[in-house]
């Protein structure tokens, strides 16, 4: 049996929580049998009982699988990039900040031994 499910579901924007319409266009192919005992090892087989099949569990499963983890509203780029005690930072900027802090924290040596650094330069 082949089904085609189309529609629109409303999901929250990952940045702003604004409602975002998400279009669905799903093609479903499932196997329907009168005696499910023949197909005991397969999960993709559905039994026909009294010449009827309950399609709602099949449709619900396929819709849940099709929903994306994150959607973004068109206006999400206009969202605030900072607030009270927080700021949005790109991954590249975060890596650069971490590198700068590592460089600043690198040991510079004991200042009492700074004169010895010039000792070998004089001999050459």
C-alpha atoms as a PDB file:
ATOM      1  CA  UNK A   1       0.000   0.000   0.000  1.00  0.00           C
ATOM      2  CA  UNK A   2       1.261   3.475  -0.822  1.00  0.00           C
ATOM      3  CA  UNK A   3       0.126   6.659   0.926  1.00  0.00           C
ATOM      4  CA  UNK A   4       0.958  10.286   0.281  1.00  0.00           C
ATOM      5  CA  UNK A   5       0.663  12.633   3.258  1.00  0.00           C
ATOM      6  CA  UNK A   6       0.788  16.378   2.682  1.00  0.00           C
ATOM      7  CA  UNK A   7       0.114  19.218   5.062  1.00  0.00           C
ATOM      8  CA  UNK A   8       1.669  21.942   7.153  1.00  0.00           C
ATOM      9  CA  UNK A   9       2.688  21.660  10.786  1.00  0.00           C
ATOM     10  CA  UNK A  10       3.704  24.537  13.040  1.00  0.00           C
ATOM     11  CA  UNK A  11       7.054  24.263  14.806  1.00  0.00           C
ATOM     12  CA  UNK A  12       8.863  26.712  17.109  1.00  0.00           C
ATOM     13  CA  UNK A  13      11.853  28.631  15.743  1.00  0.00           C
ATOM     14  CA  UNK A  14      15.083  27.396  17.355  1.00  0.00           C
ATOM     15  CA  UNK A  15      16.285  30.974  17.963  1.00  0.00           C
ATOM     16  CA  UNK A  16      13.182  33.018  18.721  1.00  0.00           C
ATOM     17  CA  UNK A  17      10.422  30.470  19.487  1.00  0.00           C
ATOM     18  CA  UNK A  18       8.230  32.149  16.851  1.00  0.00           C
ATOM     19  CA  UNK A  19       5.781  29.790  15.113  1.00  0.00           C
ATOM     20  CA  UNK A  20       7.222  28.511  11.819  1.00  0.00           C
ATOM     21  CA  UNK A  21       5.019  26.689   9.297  1.00  0.00           C
ATOM     22  CA  UNK A  22       6.777  23.538   8.068  1.00  0.00           C
ATOM     23  CA  UNK A  23       5.374  21.831   4.949  1.00  0.00           C
ATOM     24  CA  UNK A  24       5.038  18.057   4.927  1.00  0.00           C
ATOM     25  CA  UNK A  25       5.161  15.937   1.790  1.00  0.00           C
ATOM     26  CA  UNK A  26       5.658  12.299   2.752  1.00  0.00           C
ATOM     27  CA  UNK A  27       5.324   9.154   0.638  1.00  0.00           C
ATOM     28  CA  UNK A  28       4.657   6.026   2.687  1.00  0.00           C
ATOM     29  CA  UNK A  29       4.938   2.446   1.426  1.00  0.00           C
ATOM     30  CA  UNK A  30       3.856  -0.295   3.797  1.00  0.00           C
ATOM     31  CA  UNK A  31       2.987  -3.976   3.521  1.00  0.00           C
ATOM     32  CA  UNK A  32      -0.469  -5.135   4.633  1.00  0.00           C
ATOM     33  CA  UNK A  33      -1.223  -8.848   5.159  1.00  0.00           C
ATOM     34  CA  UNK A  34      -4.184 -10.856   6.380  1.00  0.00           C
ATOM     35  CA  UNK A  35      -2.097 -13.266   8.458  1.00  0.00           C
ATOM     36  CA  UNK A  36       0.775 -11.524  10.242  1.00  0.00           C
ATOM     37  CA  UNK A  37       2.115 -14.846  11.607  1.00  0.00           C
ATOM     38  CA  UNK A  38       3.875 -15.411   8.264  1.00  0.00           C
ATOM     39  CA  UNK A  39       5.873 -12.190   8.762  1.00  0.00           C
ATOM     40  CA  UNK A  40       6.726 -12.524  12.454  1.00  0.00           C
ATOM     41  CA  UNK A  41      10.226 -11.028  12.161  1.00  0.00           C
ATOM     42  CA  UNK A  42       9.361  -7.819  10.354  1.00  0.00           C
ATOM     43  CA  UNK A  43       8.210  -4.562  11.946  1.00  0.00           C
ATOM     44  CA  UNK A  44       7.118  -3.008   8.641  1.00  0.00           C
ATOM     45  CA  UNK A  45       4.167  -5.333   8.140  1.00  0.00           C
ATOM     46  CA  UNK A  46       0.648  -4.470   9.299  1.00  0.00           C
ATOM     47  CA  UNK A  47      -2.252  -6.840   9.755  1.00  0.00           C
ATOM     48  CA  UNK A  48      -5.609  -6.386   8.075  1.00  0.00           C
ATOM     49  CA  UNK A  49      -8.396  -7.131  10.571  1.00  0.00           C
ATOM     50  CA  UNK A  50     -12.049  -7.209   9.482  1.00  0.00           C
ATOM     51  CA  UNK A  51     -10.961  -5.825   6.087  1.00  0.00           C
ATOM     52  CA  UNK A  52      -9.686  -2.644   7.798  1.00  0.00           C
ATOM     53  CA  UNK A  53      -6.313  -1.164   8.643  1.00  0.00           C
ATOM     54  CA  UNK A  54      -5.734   1.556  11.243  1.00  0.00           C
ATOM     55  CA  UNK A  55      -3.593   4.070   9.343  1.00  0.00           C
ATOM     56  CA  UNK A  56      -3.141   6.616  12.132  1.00  0.00           C
ATOM     57  CA  UNK A  57      -0.183   4.855  13.858  1.00  0.00           C
ATOM     58  CA  UNK A  58       1.562   4.527  10.497  1.00  0.00           C
ATOM     59  CA  UNK A  59       1.007   8.181   9.597  1.00  0.00           C
ATOM     60  CA  UNK A  60       1.986   9.430  13.070  1.00  0.00           C
ATOM     61  CA  UNK A  61       5.252   7.484  12.987  1.00  0.00           C
ATOM     62  CA  UNK A  62       6.203   8.792   9.539  1.00  0.00           C
ATOM     63  CA  UNK A  63       5.337  12.391  10.455  1.00  0.00           C
ATOM     64  CA  UNK A  64       7.394  12.196  13.659  1.00  0.00           C
ATOM     65  CA  UNK A  65      10.374  10.856  11.724  1.00  0.00           C
ATOM     66  CA  UNK A  66      10.054  13.655   9.134  1.00  0.00           C
ATOM     67  CA  UNK A  67      10.007  16.544  11.648  1.00  0.00           C
ATOM     68  CA  UNK A  68      13.379  18.342  11.672  1.00  0.00           C
ATOM     69  CA  UNK A  69      15.302  18.934  14.898  1.00  0.00           C
ATOM     70  CA  UNK A  70      15.508  22.700  14.293  1.00  0.00           C
ATOM     71  CA  UNK A  71      13.674  25.183  12.092  1.00  0.00           C
ATOM     72  CA  UNK A  72      14.387  28.886  11.775  1.00  0.00           C
ATOM     73  CA  UNK A  73      11.971  31.722  11.129  1.00  0.00           C
ATOM     74  CA  UNK A  74      12.779  34.162   8.330  1.00  0.00           C
ATOM     75  CA  UNK A  75      13.021  36.954  10.925  1.00  0.00           C
ATOM     76  CA  UNK A  76      15.369  34.996  13.186  1.00  0.00           C
ATOM     77  CA  UNK A  77      18.395  36.879  11.804  1.00  0.00           C
ATOM     78  CA  UNK A  78      16.874  40.055  13.246  1.00  0.00           C
ATOM     79  CA  UNK A  79      16.746  38.508  16.708  1.00  0.00           C
ATOM     80  CA  UNK A  80      18.674  40.109  19.530  1.00  0.00           C
ATOM     81  CA  UNK A  81      22.285  38.972  19.641  1.00  0.00           C
ATOM     82  CA  UNK A  82      22.820  40.064  23.240  1.00  0.00           C
ATOM     83  CA  UNK A  83      20.911  40.620  26.429  1.00  0.00           C
ATOM     84  CA  UNK A  84      21.287  41.046  30.145  1.00  0.00           C
ATOM     85  CA  UNK A  85      24.456  39.082  30.877  1.00  0.00           C
ATOM     86  CA  UNK A  86      24.573  37.060  27.641  1.00  0.00           C
ATOM     87  CA  UNK A  87      25.754  37.395  24.042  1.00  0.00           C
ATOM     88  CA  UNK A  88      25.573  35.171  20.958  1.00  0.00           C
ATOM     89  CA  UNK A  89      29.041  34.240  19.686  1.00  0.00           C
ATOM     90  CA  UNK A  90      29.869  32.356  16.469  1.00  0.00           C
ATOM     91  CA  UNK A  91      31.993  29.222  16.701  1.00  0.00           C
ATOM     92  CA  UNK A  92      34.884  30.944  14.889  1.00  0.00           C
ATOM     93  CA  UNK A  93      34.839  33.873  17.338  1.00  0.00           C
ATOM     94  CA  UNK A  94      34.700  31.471  20.283  1.00  0.00           C
ATOM     95  CA  UNK A  95      37.715  29.539  18.967  1.00  0.00           C
ATOM     96  CA  UNK A  96      39.649  32.797  18.493  1.00  0.00           C
ATOM     97  CA  UNK A  97      38.821  33.916  22.055  1.00  0.00           C
ATOM     98  CA  UNK A  98      39.922  30.566  23.455  1.00  0.00           C
ATOM     99  CA  UNK A  99      43.192  30.744  21.503  1.00  0.00           C
ATOM    100  CA  UNK A 100      43.883  34.264  22.804  1.00  0.00           C
ATOM    101  CA  UNK A 101      43.219  33.208  26.397  1.00  0.00           C
ATOM    102  CA  UNK A 102      45.524  30.188  25.993  1.00  0.00           C
ATOM    103  CA  UNK A 103      48.274  32.428  24.605  1.00  0.00           C
ATOM    104  CA  UNK A 104      47.829  34.882  27.479  1.00  0.00           C
ATOM    105  CA  UNK A 105      47.994  32.108  30.058  1.00  0.00           C
ATOM    106  CA  UNK A 106      51.110  30.489  28.529  1.00  0.00           C
ATOM    107  CA  UNK A 107      54.016  30.506  30.992  1.00  0.00           C
ATOM    108  CA  UNK A 108      56.520  33.211  30.128  1.00  0.00           C
ATOM    109  CA  UNK A 109      59.284  31.916  32.370  1.00  0.00           C
ATOM    110  CA  UNK A 110      60.694  33.061  35.656  1.00  0.00           C
ATOM    111  CA  UNK A 111      61.557  36.763  35.535  1.00  0.00           C
ATOM    112  CA  UNK A 112      64.478  36.196  37.909  1.00  0.00           C
ATOM    113  CA  UNK A 113      66.125  34.040  35.230  1.00  0.00           C
ATOM    114  CA  UNK A 114      65.570  36.509  32.369  1.00  0.00           C
ATOM    115  CA  UNK A 115      69.214  37.597  32.480  1.00  0.00           C
ATOM    116  CA  UNK A 116      70.324  34.029  31.726  1.00  0.00           C
ATOM    117  CA  UNK A 117      68.473  34.116  28.375  1.00  0.00           C
ATOM    118  CA  UNK A 118      70.977  36.671  27.136  1.00  0.00           C
ATOM    119  CA  UNK A 119      73.958  34.673  28.452  1.00  0.00           C
ATOM    120  CA  UNK A 120      74.089  32.268  25.498  1.00  0.00           C
ATOM    121  CA  UNK A 121      73.677  35.051  22.950  1.00  0.00           C
ATOM    122  CA  UNK A 122      76.849  36.776  24.187  1.00  0.00           C
ATOM    123  CA  UNK A 123      79.014  33.662  23.795  1.00  0.00           C
ATOM    124  CA  UNK A 124      78.115  33.145  20.154  1.00  0.00           C
END
